[in-house]
Amino acid sequence: MAAPVVAFVRHLATEKRHSPRTCDHYQRDLDRLVAWLIEVDIPAWSELTIHDIRRYVARLSRDGLSGRSIARHLSAIRRFYQFLLREGLARDNPALDVRAPKSGRRLPKVADVDQISQLLDINPDDPLEIRDLAMFELMYSSGLRLAELASLSLPALDLKGREVRVLGKGNKERILPVGGKAVAALNQWLAHRAAMANEGETAVFVSQRGGRLSQRSIQARLARWGMVQGADQRLHPHLLRHSFASHMLESSGDLRAVQELLGHADIATTQVYTHLDFQHLARVYDQSHPRARRRSTNHINRNDNDHTGS
């Protein structure tokens, strides 16, 4: 049963021009299916039924695979059977109408306001740190994606008007407000930028070599910044964006406004932050409500002693 899999992966590599990494993913997923077929004694691809595929999905779920991973396996099986049908090695595609179980949506991690303040409330004296502070203030101030920050050019900044123009996903442009802290940090950086930037370079953020700073460099600088500032979690650009969204929603409760600021085409994408906001409210409730707080042991003991003496 392995021979058709080998032929299929070769077909992906030579005819479809898929990358070696993609081919490896298909090979690994189908090898796992082959191992299961041998285990349950199904000897040929043509004998596999929709009921067998459902049993296989149940097995993957019991093995701890997420809905997303199972969906990837099913996609590989469907595509493999398209190949088998073309080669006359199967009569139908048994995975066609099988769906993966839904996964619970993973909530993005955020930093609280105090953590953000600890990270950004510093006075840098090195030009690179001044640049980094300006980048991170702007990301948190306006909720920029990493790609949006890296692609910023000078004409996109209007610091007097406290605005920045960004080109988001799908080449959709949006104009975002820039907070006072970010404006001050950007002004400080622009005073140093001229000495670093190559002639004719329009990028807002440049490297020591004078060219546009890459996305990977921004990620590395933010991770380093977090280590130096003693952050209690690894910093990455999306953490600042997620924190911006969560804090905005927590303060305003205006989901539509947060959607516009983030540049989400679908409000369902933004709604994940309502779950984060609820988690915050639940924590505040648990810590604050007199009927939610867990009484301390000392308080309980003191009451017990009072009753004993009465």
C-alpha atoms as a PDB file:
ATOM      1  CA  MET A   1       0.000   0.000   0.000  1.00  0.00           C
ATOM      2  CA  ALA A   2       2.986   2.290   0.304  1.00  0.00           C
ATOM      3  CA  ALA A   3       3.780   2.285  -3.426  1.00  0.00           C
ATOM      4  CA  PRO A   4       0.859   4.554  -4.459  1.00  0.00           C
ATOM      5  CA  VAL A   5       1.848   6.973  -1.687  1.00  0.00           C
ATOM      6  CA  VAL A   6       5.391   7.157  -3.054  1.00  0.00           C
ATOM      7  CA  ALA A   7       4.024   7.739  -6.566  1.00  0.00           C
ATOM      8  CA  PHE A   8       1.665  10.443  -5.288  1.00  0.00           C
ATOM      9  CA  VAL A   9       4.398  12.333  -3.441  1.00  0.00           C
ATOM     10  CA  ARG A  10       6.602  12.116  -6.531  1.00  0.00           C
ATOM     11  CA  HIS A  11       3.685  13.517  -8.548  1.00  0.00           C
ATOM     12  CA  LEU A  12       3.418  16.454  -6.123  1.00  0.00           C
ATOM     13  CA  ALA A  13       7.135  17.162  -6.356  1.00  0.00           C
ATOM     14  CA  THR A  14       7.603  16.833 -10.124  1.00  0.00           C
ATOM     15  CA  GLU A  15       4.282  17.700 -11.742  1.00  0.00           C
ATOM     16  CA  LYS A  16       2.769  20.043  -9.157  1.00  0.00           C
ATOM     17  CA  ARG A  17       6.123  21.588  -8.162  1.00  0.00           C
ATOM     18  CA  HIS A  18       5.380  21.514  -4.446  1.00  0.00           C
ATOM     19  CA  SER A  19       8.192  22.320  -2.052  1.00  0.00           C
ATOM     20  CA  PRO A  20      10.103  19.502  -0.332  1.00  0.00           C
ATOM     21  CA  ARG A  21       8.585  20.574   2.983  1.00  0.00           C
ATOM     22  CA  THR A  22       5.029  20.274   1.635  1.00  0.00           C
ATOM     23  CA  CYS A  23       5.803  16.876   0.139  1.00  0.00           C
ATOM     24  CA  ASP A  24       7.202  15.744   3.499  1.00  0.00           C
ATOM     25  CA  HIS A  25       3.955  16.765   5.205  1.00  0.00           C
ATOM     26  CA  TYR A  26       1.889  14.710   2.747  1.00  0.00           C
ATOM     27  CA  GLN A  27       4.250  11.749   3.091  1.00  0.00           C
ATOM     28  CA  ARG A  28       4.104  11.815   6.892  1.00  0.00           C
ATOM     29  CA  ASP A  29       0.302  12.123   7.053  1.00  0.00           C
ATOM     30  CA  LEU A  30      -0.270   9.316   4.557  1.00  0.00           C
ATOM     31  CA  ASP A  31       2.330   7.068   6.193  1.00  0.00           C
ATOM     32  CA  ARG A  32       0.341   7.399   9.405  1.00  0.00           C
ATOM     33  CA  LEU A  33      -2.797   6.327   7.558  1.00  0.00           C
ATOM     34  CA  VAL A  34      -0.980   3.338   6.023  1.00  0.00           C
ATOM     35  CA  ALA A  35       0.146   2.225   9.480  1.00  0.00           C
ATOM     36  CA  TRP A  36      -3.450   2.380  10.729  1.00  0.00           C
ATOM     37  CA  LEU A  37      -4.768   0.446   7.709  1.00  0.00           C
ATOM     38  CA  ILE A  38      -2.278  -2.320   8.397  1.00  0.00           C
ATOM     39  CA  GLU A  39      -3.319  -2.317  12.042  1.00  0.00           C
ATOM     40  CA  VAL A  40      -7.041  -2.715  11.216  1.00  0.00           C
ATOM     41  CA  ASP A  41      -6.343  -5.137   8.351  1.00  0.00           C
ATOM     42  CA  ILE A  42      -7.577  -3.142   5.345  1.00  0.00           C
ATOM     43  CA  PRO A  43      -5.411  -4.489   2.493  1.00  0.00           C
ATOM     44  CA  ALA A  44      -6.158  -2.127  -0.422  1.00  0.00           C
ATOM     45  CA  TRP A  45      -6.927   1.535  -1.045  1.00  0.00           C
ATOM     46  CA  SER A  46      -9.996   0.575  -3.061  1.00  0.00           C
ATOM     47  CA  GLU A  47     -11.542  -1.094   0.022  1.00  0.00           C
ATOM     48  CA  LEU A  48     -11.425   1.992   2.242  1.00  0.00           C
ATOM     49  CA  THR A  49     -14.933   3.376   2.969  1.00  0.00           C
ATOM     50  CA  ILE A  50     -16.321   6.560   4.463  1.00  0.00           C
ATOM     51  CA  HIS A  51     -17.003   4.626   7.683  1.00  0.00           C
ATOM     52  CA  ASP A  52     -13.321   3.638   7.847  1.00  0.00           C
ATOM     53  CA  ILE A  53     -12.278   7.274   7.410  1.00  0.00           C
ATOM     54  CA  ARG A  54     -14.594   8.279  10.264  1.00  0.00           C
ATOM     55  CA  ARG A  55     -13.031   5.572  12.443  1.00  0.00           C
ATOM     56  CA  TYR A  56      -9.619   6.936  11.519  1.00  0.00           C
ATOM     57  CA  VAL A  57     -10.656  10.491  12.444  1.00  0.00           C
ATOM     58  CA  ALA A  58     -11.876   9.172  15.811  1.00  0.00           C
ATOM     59  CA  ARG A  59      -8.513   7.472  16.307  1.00  0.00           C
ATOM     60  CA  LEU A  60      -6.619  10.683  15.518  1.00  0.00           C
ATOM     61  CA  SER A  61      -8.811  12.550  17.977  1.00  0.00           C
ATOM     62  CA  ARG A  62      -8.158   9.964  20.701  1.00  0.00           C
ATOM     63  CA  ASP A  63      -4.441  10.313  19.973  1.00  0.00           C
ATOM     64  CA  GLY A  64      -4.733  13.981  20.915  1.00  0.00           C
ATOM     65  CA  LEU A  65      -4.659  15.671  17.510  1.00  0.00           C
ATOM     66  CA  SER A  66      -6.431  19.023  17.266  1.00  0.00           C
ATOM     67  CA  GLY A  67      -9.278  19.647  14.869  1.00  0.00           C
ATOM     68  CA  ARG A  68      -6.940  21.672  12.691  1.00  0.00           C
ATOM     69  CA  SER A  69      -4.402  18.837  12.466  1.00  0.00           C
ATOM     70  CA  ILE A  70      -7.134  16.310  11.655  1.00  0.00           C
ATOM     71  CA  ALA A  71      -8.441  18.649   8.942  1.00  0.00           C
ATOM     72  CA  ARG A  72      -4.948  18.675   7.432  1.00  0.00           C
ATOM     73  CA  HIS A  73      -4.878  14.859   7.444  1.00  0.00           C
ATOM     74  CA  LEU A  74      -8.275  14.713   5.735  1.00  0.00           C
ATOM     75  CA  SER A  75      -7.132  17.209   3.124  1.00  0.00           C
ATOM     76  CA  ALA A  76      -4.122  15.021   2.362  1.00  0.00           C
ATOM     77  CA  ILE A  77      -6.335  11.917   2.061  1.00  0.00           C
ATOM     78  CA  ARG A  78      -8.803  13.658  -0.263  1.00  0.00           C
ATOM     79  CA  ARG A  79      -6.042  14.868  -2.523  1.00  0.00           C
ATOM     80  CA  PHE A  80      -4.366  11.437  -2.494  1.00  0.00           C
ATOM     81  CA  TYR A  81      -7.643   9.823  -3.585  1.00  0.00           C
ATOM     82  CA  GLN A  82      -7.970  12.292  -6.440  1.00  0.00           C
ATOM     83  CA  PHE A  83      -4.650  10.936  -7.617  1.00  0.00           C
ATOM     84  CA  LEU A  84      -5.789   7.311  -7.105  1.00  0.00           C
ATOM     85  CA  LEU A  85      -8.966   7.956  -9.100  1.00  0.00           C
ATOM     86  CA  ARG A  86      -6.909   9.425 -11.923  1.00  0.00           C
ATOM     87  CA  GLU A  87      -4.658   6.356 -11.882  1.00  0.00           C
ATOM     88  CA  GLY A  88      -7.619   3.938 -11.787  1.00  0.00           C
ATOM     89  CA  LEU A  89      -6.651   2.638  -8.325  1.00  0.00           C
ATOM     90  CA  ALA A  90      -9.876   3.663  -6.570  1.00  0.00           C
ATOM     91  CA  ARG A  91     -13.589   3.890  -7.415  1.00  0.00           C
ATOM     92  CA  ASP A  92     -14.492   6.836  -5.188  1.00  0.00           C
ATOM     93  CA  ASN A  93     -13.088   9.301  -2.647  1.00  0.00           C
ATOM     94  CA  PRO A  94     -14.138   8.065   0.830  1.00  0.00           C
ATOM     95  CA  ALA A  95     -12.843  11.203   2.612  1.00  0.00           C
ATOM     96  CA  LEU A  96     -14.904  13.606   0.527  1.00  0.00           C
ATOM     97  CA  ASP A  97     -17.771  14.121   2.996  1.00  0.00           C
ATOM     98  CA  VAL A  98     -15.887  13.589   6.262  1.00  0.00           C
ATOM     99  CA  ARG A  99     -15.274  16.674   8.387  1.00  0.00           C
ATOM    100  CA  ALA A 100     -12.805  17.196  11.201  1.00  0.00           C
ATOM    101  CA  PRO A 101     -14.081  17.934  14.724  1.00  0.00           C
ATOM    102  CA  LYS A 102     -14.046  21.593  15.617  1.00  0.00           C
ATOM    103  CA  SER A 103     -11.198  22.865  17.758  1.00  0.00           C
ATOM    104  CA  GLY A 104     -11.619  25.394  20.493  1.00  0.00           C
ATOM    105  CA  ARG A 105     -10.171  28.653  19.250  1.00  0.00           C
ATOM    106  CA  ARG A 106      -6.844  29.469  20.831  1.00  0.00           C
ATOM    107  CA  LEU A 107      -6.933  32.830  22.565  1.00  0.00           C
ATOM    108  CA  PRO A 108      -4.015  35.136  21.871  1.00  0.00           C
ATOM    109  CA  LYS A 109      -1.736  35.965  24.759  1.00  0.00           C
ATOM    110  CA  VAL A 110      -1.729  39.545  25.994  1.00  0.00           C
ATOM    111  CA  ALA A 111       0.282  41.614  28.439  1.00  0.00           C
ATOM    112  CA  ASP A 112      -1.579  43.726  30.976  1.00  0.00           C
ATOM    113  CA  VAL A 113      -1.265  47.502  31.122  1.00  0.00           C
ATOM    114  CA  ASP A 114       1.276  47.446  33.948  1.00  0.00           C
ATOM    115  CA  GLN A 115       3.493  45.019  32.026  1.00  0.00           C
ATOM    116  CA  ILE A 116       3.365  47.231  28.927  1.00  0.00           C
ATOM    117  CA  SER A 117       4.260  50.268  31.020  1.00  0.00           C
ATOM    118  CA  GLN A 118       7.219  48.437  32.528  1.00  0.00           C
ATOM    119  CA  LEU A 119       8.444  47.587  29.039  1.00  0.00           C
ATOM    120  CA  LEU A 120       8.046  51.009  27.468  1.00  0.00           C
ATOM    121  CA  ASP A 121       8.530  53.561  30.258  1.00  0.00           C
ATOM    122  CA  ILE A 122      12.298  53.918  29.878  1.00  0.00           C
ATOM    123  CA  ASN A 123      14.712  56.617  28.684  1.00  0.00           C
ATOM    124  CA  PRO A 124      16.970  55.060  26.023  1.00  0.00           C
ATOM    125  CA  ASP A 125      20.282  56.767  25.273  1.00  0.00           C
ATOM    126  CA  ASP A 126      21.545  54.524  22.462  1.00  0.00           C
ATOM    127  CA  PRO A 127      20.300  55.274  18.881  1.00  0.00           C
ATOM    128  CA  LEU A 128      19.258  51.650  18.331  1.00  0.00           C
ATOM    129  CA  GLU A 129      17.308  51.579  21.564  1.00  0.00           C
ATOM    130  CA  ILE A 130      15.700  54.903  20.648  1.00  0.00           C
ATOM    131  CA  ARG A 131      14.659  53.329  17.327  1.00  0.00           C
ATOM    132  CA  ASP A 132      13.374  50.201  19.057  1.00  0.00           C
ATOM    133  CA  LEU A 133      11.334  52.170  21.576  1.00  0.00           C
ATOM    134  CA  ALA A 134       9.742  54.142  18.722  1.00  0.00           C
ATOM    135  CA  MET A 135       8.852  50.905  16.920  1.00  0.00           C
ATOM    136  CA  PHE A 136       7.310  49.261  19.931  1.00  0.00           C
ATOM    137  CA  GLU A 137       5.459  52.369  21.085  1.00  0.00           C
ATOM    138  CA  LEU A 138       3.947  52.683  17.605  1.00  0.00           C
ATOM    139  CA  MET A 139       2.954  49.015  17.446  1.00  0.00           C
ATOM    140  CA  TYR A 140       1.200  49.201  20.801  1.00  0.00           C
ATOM    141  CA  SER A 141      -0.231  52.666  20.158  1.00  0.00           C
ATOM    142  CA  SER A 142      -1.835  51.796  16.815  1.00  0.00           C
ATOM    143  CA  GLY A 143      -2.110  48.002  16.798  1.00  0.00           C
ATOM    144  CA  LEU A 144       0.123  47.524  13.761  1.00  0.00           C
ATOM    145  CA  ARG A 145       0.924  44.144  12.275  1.00  0.00           C
ATOM    146  CA  LEU A 146       4.606  43.294  11.950  1.00  0.00           C
ATOM    147  CA  ALA A 147       4.492  43.579   8.133  1.00  0.00           C
ATOM    148  CA  GLU A 148       2.732  46.946   8.390  1.00  0.00           C
ATOM    149  CA  LEU A 149       5.416  48.301  10.696  1.00  0.00           C
ATOM    150  CA  ALA A 150       8.305  47.002   8.581  1.00  0.00           C
ATOM    151  CA  SER A 151       6.858  48.467   5.373  1.00  0.00           C
ATOM    152  CA  LEU A 152       6.254  51.962   6.781  1.00  0.00           C
ATOM    153  CA  SER A 153       7.813  54.802   4.803  1.00  0.00           C
ATOM    154  CA  LEU A 154       8.255  58.410   5.866  1.00  0.00           C
ATOM    155  CA  PRO A 155       5.328  59.828   3.843  1.00  0.00           C
ATOM    156  CA  ALA A 156       2.975  57.568   5.825  1.00  0.00           C
ATOM    157  CA  LEU A 157       3.709  59.428   9.066  1.00  0.00           C
ATOM    158  CA  ASP A 158       1.855  62.588  10.040  1.00  0.00           C
ATOM    159  CA  LEU A 159       3.139  63.295  13.522  1.00  0.00           C
ATOM    160  CA  LYS A 160       1.585  66.763  13.717  1.00  0.00           C
ATOM    161  CA  GLY A 161      -1.795  65.242  12.965  1.00  0.00           C
ATOM    162  CA  ARG A 162      -0.915  62.205  15.103  1.00  0.00           C
ATOM    163  CA  GLU A 163      -1.779  59.758  12.335  1.00  0.00           C
ATOM    164  CA  VAL A 164      -0.130  56.939  10.429  1.00  0.00           C
ATOM    165  CA  ARG A 165      -1.244  55.468   7.109  1.00  0.00           C
ATOM    166  CA  VAL A 166      -0.721  51.724   6.741  1.00  0.00           C
ATOM    167  CA  LEU A 167      -1.301  49.194   3.988  1.00  0.00           C
ATOM    168  CA  GLY A 168      -2.825  46.072   5.499  1.00  0.00           C
ATOM    169  CA  LYS A 169      -3.900  42.683   4.215  1.00  0.00           C
ATOM    170  CA  GLY A 170      -5.485  42.683   0.780  1.00  0.00           C
ATOM    171  CA  ASN A 171      -3.751  46.010   0.067  1.00  0.00           C
ATOM    172  CA  LYS A 172      -6.400  47.778   2.128  1.00  0.00           C
ATOM    173  CA  GLU A 173      -5.249  51.141   3.409  1.00  0.00           C
ATOM    174  CA  ARG A 174      -6.310  52.523   6.756  1.00  0.00           C
ATOM    175  CA  ILE A 175      -5.395  55.653   8.698  1.00  0.00           C
ATOM    176  CA  LEU A 176      -4.754  55.123  12.390  1.00  0.00           C
ATOM    177  CA  PRO A 177      -4.345  57.487  15.340  1.00  0.00           C
ATOM    178  CA  VAL A 178      -0.949  57.627  17.040  1.00  0.00           C
ATOM    179  CA  GLY A 179      -0.759  58.219  20.785  1.00  0.00           C
ATOM    180  CA  GLY A 180       1.257  60.953  22.446  1.00  0.00           C
ATOM    181  CA  LYS A 181       3.905  58.580  23.848  1.00  0.00           C
ATOM    182  CA  ALA A 182       4.459  57.093  20.397  1.00  0.00           C
ATOM    183  CA  VAL A 183       4.661  60.544  18.779  1.00  0.00           C
ATOM    184  CA  ALA A 184       7.341  61.607  21.266  1.00  0.00           C
ATOM    185  CA  ALA A 185       9.311  58.383  20.708  1.00  0.00           C
ATOM    186  CA  LEU A 186       9.072  58.759  16.920  1.00  0.00           C
ATOM    187  CA  ASN A 187      10.241  62.366  17.024  1.00  0.00           C
ATOM    188  CA  GLN A 188      13.225  61.300  19.109  1.00  0.00           C
ATOM    189  CA  TRP A 189      14.047  58.511  16.632  1.00  0.00           C
ATOM    190  CA  LEU A 190      13.668  60.702  13.539  1.00  0.00           C
ATOM    191  CA  ALA A 191      16.270  63.075  15.010  1.00  0.00           C
ATOM    192  CA  HIS A 192      18.776  60.167  14.912  1.00  0.00           C
ATOM    193  CA  ARG A 193      17.527  58.433  11.767  1.00  0.00           C
ATOM    194  CA  ALA A 194      19.186  60.806   9.303  1.00  0.00           C
ATOM    195  CA  ALA A 195      22.630  59.799  10.554  1.00  0.00           C
ATOM    196  CA  MET A 196      21.876  56.094   9.990  1.00  0.00           C
ATOM    197  CA  ALA A 197      19.769  55.951   6.820  1.00  0.00           C
ATOM    198  CA  ASN A 198      21.259  55.488   3.366  1.00  0.00           C
ATOM    199  CA  GLU A 199      20.779  58.312   0.885  1.00  0.00           C
ATOM    200  CA  GLY A 200      17.334  58.063  -0.684  1.00  0.00           C
ATOM    201  CA  GLU A 201      16.070  55.481   1.832  1.00  0.00           C
ATOM    202  CA  THR A 202      12.416  56.176   2.696  1.00  0.00           C
ATOM    203  CA  ALA A 203      11.875  53.507   5.370  1.00  0.00           C
ATOM    204  CA  VAL A 204      10.884  54.883   8.757  1.00  0.00           C
ATOM    205  CA  PHE A 205      12.910  52.234  10.579  1.00  0.00           C
ATOM    206  CA  VAL A 206      16.384  51.449   9.260  1.00  0.00           C
ATOM    207  CA  SER A 207      19.170  49.120  10.314  1.00  0.00           C
ATOM    208  CA  GLN A 208      22.746  50.018  11.200  1.00  0.00           C
ATOM    209  CA  ARG A 209      23.589  49.463   7.538  1.00  0.00           C
ATOM    210  CA  GLY A 210      21.114  52.151   6.566  1.00  0.00           C
ATOM    211  CA  GLY A 211      18.522  50.025   4.771  1.00  0.00           C
ATOM    212  CA  ARG A 212      14.967  49.100   5.684  1.00  0.00           C
ATOM    213  CA  LEU A 213      14.806  47.006   8.852  1.00  0.00           C
ATOM    214  CA  SER A 214      13.535  43.484   8.111  1.00  0.00           C
ATOM    215  CA  GLN A 215      10.632  41.785   9.856  1.00  0.00           C
ATOM    216  CA  ARG A 216      12.980  39.188  11.301  1.00  0.00           C
ATOM    217  CA  SER A 217      15.219  41.899  12.753  1.00  0.00           C
ATOM    218  CA  ILE A 218      12.216  43.584  14.370  1.00  0.00           C
ATOM    219  CA  GLN A 219      11.197  40.275  15.949  1.00  0.00           C
ATOM    220  CA  ALA A 220      14.725  39.701  17.247  1.00  0.00           C
ATOM    221  CA  ARG A 221      15.006  43.232  18.660  1.00  0.00           C
ATOM    222  CA  LEU A 222      11.671  42.916  20.475  1.00  0.00           C
ATOM    223  CA  ALA A 223      12.653  39.548  21.966  1.00  0.00           C
ATOM    224  CA  ARG A 224      15.955  41.081  23.129  1.00  0.00           C
ATOM    225  CA  TRP A 225      14.101  44.121  24.525  1.00  0.00           C
ATOM    226  CA  GLY A 226      11.894  41.852  26.607  1.00  0.00           C
ATOM    227  CA  MET A 227      14.890  39.994  28.040  1.00  0.00           C
ATOM    228  CA  VAL A 228      16.678  43.230  28.962  1.00  0.00           C
ATOM    229  CA  GLN A 229      13.553  44.694  30.563  1.00  0.00           C
ATOM    230  CA  GLY A 230      12.854  41.510  32.514  1.00  0.00           C
ATOM    231  CA  ALA A 231       9.564  40.596  30.815  1.00  0.00           C
ATOM    232  CA  ASP A 232       7.877  37.561  32.344  1.00  0.00           C
ATOM    233  CA  GLN A 233       6.981  36.164  28.912  1.00  0.00           C
ATOM    234  CA  ARG A 234       8.647  36.052  25.508  1.00  0.00           C
ATOM    235  CA  LEU A 235       7.864  39.216  23.567  1.00  0.00           C
ATOM    236  CA  HIS A 236       6.812  39.081  19.933  1.00  0.00           C
ATOM    237  CA  PRO A 237       5.177  41.704  17.688  1.00  0.00           C
ATOM    238  CA  HIS A 238       1.718  40.139  17.773  1.00  0.00           C
ATOM    239  CA  LEU A 239       1.732  40.305  21.569  1.00  0.00           C
ATOM    240  CA  LEU A 240       1.782  44.103  21.306  1.00  0.00           C
ATOM    241  CA  ARG A 241      -1.020  44.048  18.725  1.00  0.00           C
ATOM    242  CA  HIS A 242      -3.112  41.662  20.816  1.00  0.00           C
ATOM    243  CA  SER A 243      -2.508  43.766  23.932  1.00  0.00           C
ATOM    244  CA  PHE A 244      -3.549  46.914  22.045  1.00  0.00           C
ATOM    245  CA  ALA A 245      -6.803  45.263  20.940  1.00  0.00           C
ATOM    246  CA  SER A 246      -7.612  43.811  24.343  1.00  0.00           C
ATOM    247  CA  HIS A 247      -6.914  47.045  26.200  1.00  0.00           C
ATOM    248  CA  MET A 248      -8.942  49.101  23.705  1.00  0.00           C
ATOM    249  CA  LEU A 249     -11.920  46.770  23.966  1.00  0.00           C
ATOM    250  CA  GLU A 250     -11.628  46.577  27.739  1.00  0.00           C
ATOM    251  CA  SER A 251     -11.776  50.379  28.003  1.00  0.00           C
ATOM    252  CA  SER A 252     -14.303  51.196  25.269  1.00  0.00           C
ATOM    253  CA  GLY A 253     -16.421  48.088  24.751  1.00  0.00           C
ATOM    254  CA  ASP A 254     -16.692  49.169  21.094  1.00  0.00           C
ATOM    255  CA  LEU A 255     -16.064  46.023  19.046  1.00  0.00           C
ATOM    256  CA  ARG A 256     -16.685  47.724  15.687  1.00  0.00           C
ATOM    257  CA  ALA A 257     -14.144  50.425  16.411  1.00  0.00           C
ATOM    258  CA  VAL A 258     -11.530  47.863  17.413  1.00  0.00           C
ATOM    259  CA  GLN A 259     -12.296  45.934  14.206  1.00  0.00           C
ATOM    260  CA  GLU A 260     -11.629  49.071  12.137  1.00  0.00           C
ATOM    261  CA  LEU A 261      -8.420  49.858  13.996  1.00  0.00           C
ATOM    262  CA  LEU A 262      -7.090  46.325  13.533  1.00  0.00           C
ATOM    263  CA  GLY A 263      -8.099  46.171   9.879  1.00  0.00           C
ATOM    264  CA  HIS A 264     -10.096  42.944  10.257  1.00  0.00           C
ATOM    265  CA  ALA A 265     -12.342  42.229   7.284  1.00  0.00           C
ATOM    266  CA  ASP A 266     -14.623  40.023   9.398  1.00  0.00           C
ATOM    267  CA  ILE A 267     -15.812  41.066  12.839  1.00  0.00           C
ATOM    268  CA  ALA A 268     -15.712  37.404  13.885  1.00  0.00           C
ATOM    269  CA  THR A 269     -11.918  37.707  13.865  1.00  0.00           C
ATOM    270  CA  THR A 270     -12.140  40.594  16.313  1.00  0.00           C
ATOM    271  CA  GLN A 271     -14.605  38.827  18.581  1.00  0.00           C
ATOM    272  CA  VAL A 272     -11.827  36.690  20.047  1.00  0.00           C
ATOM    273  CA  TYR A 273     -10.933  39.754  22.114  1.00  0.00           C
ATOM    274  CA  THR A 274     -14.358  39.738  23.740  1.00  0.00           C
ATOM    275  CA  HIS A 275     -13.371  36.375  25.236  1.00  0.00           C
ATOM    276  CA  LEU A 276     -10.146  37.907  26.533  1.00  0.00           C
ATOM    277  CA  ASP A 277     -12.103  40.815  27.962  1.00  0.00           C
ATOM    278  CA  PHE A 278     -14.495  38.420  29.694  1.00  0.00           C
ATOM    279  CA  GLN A 279     -11.569  36.525  31.193  1.00  0.00           C
ATOM    280  CA  HIS A 280     -10.277  39.803  32.626  1.00  0.00           C
ATOM    281  CA  LEU A 281     -13.688  40.664  34.038  1.00  0.00           C
ATOM    282  CA  ALA A 282     -14.006  37.186  35.524  1.00  0.00           C
ATOM    283  CA  ARG A 283     -10.656  37.563  37.294  1.00  0.00           C
ATOM    284  CA  VAL A 284     -11.666  40.973  38.669  1.00  0.00           C
ATOM    285  CA  TYR A 285     -14.973  39.496  39.835  1.00  0.00           C
ATOM    286  CA  ASP A 286     -13.295  36.558  41.552  1.00  0.00           C
ATOM    287  CA  GLN A 287     -10.877  38.884  43.332  1.00  0.00           C
ATOM    288  CA  SER A 288     -13.401  41.568  44.270  1.00  0.00           C
ATOM    289  CA  HIS A 289     -16.902  40.218  44.857  1.00  0.00           C
ATOM    290  CA  PRO A 290     -17.485  39.394  48.550  1.00  0.00           C
ATOM    291  CA  ARG A 291     -19.361  36.231  47.629  1.00  0.00           C
ATOM    292  CA  ALA A 292     -16.725  35.155  45.088  1.00  0.00           C
ATOM    293  CA  ARG A 293     -13.644  35.680  47.239  1.00  0.00           C
ATOM    294  CA  ARG A 294     -12.309  32.618  48.981  1.00  0.00           C
ATOM    295  CA  ARG A 295     -12.173  33.391  52.718  1.00  0.00           C
ATOM    296  CA  SER A 296      -8.738  33.134  54.251  1.00  0.00           C
ATOM    297  CA  THR A 297      -7.935  30.297  56.633  1.00  0.00           C
ATOM    298  CA  ASN A 298      -7.183  32.781  59.415  1.00  0.00           C
ATOM    299  CA  HIS A 299     -10.608  34.355  59.017  1.00  0.00           C
ATOM    300  CA  ILE A 300     -12.296  30.971  59.178  1.00  0.00           C
ATOM    301  CA  ASN A 301     -10.264  29.905  62.213  1.00  0.00           C
ATOM    302  CA  ARG A 302     -11.000  33.163  63.998  1.00  0.00           C
ATOM    303  CA  ASN A 303     -14.729  32.677  63.421  1.00  0.00           C
ATOM    304  CA  ASP A 304     -14.497  29.098  64.656  1.00  0.00           C
ATOM    305  CA  ASN A 305     -12.721  30.264  67.822  1.00  0.00           C
ATOM    306  CA  ASP A 306     -15.384  32.931  68.400  1.00  0.00           C
ATOM    307  CA  HIS A 307     -18.126  30.334  68.135  1.00  0.00           C
ATOM    308  CA  THR A 308     -16.286  28.026  70.487  1.00  0.00           C
ATOM    309  CA  GLY A 309     -16.063  30.679  73.160  1.00  0.00           C
ATOM    310  CA  SER A 310     -19.676  31.749  72.933  1.00  0.00           C
END
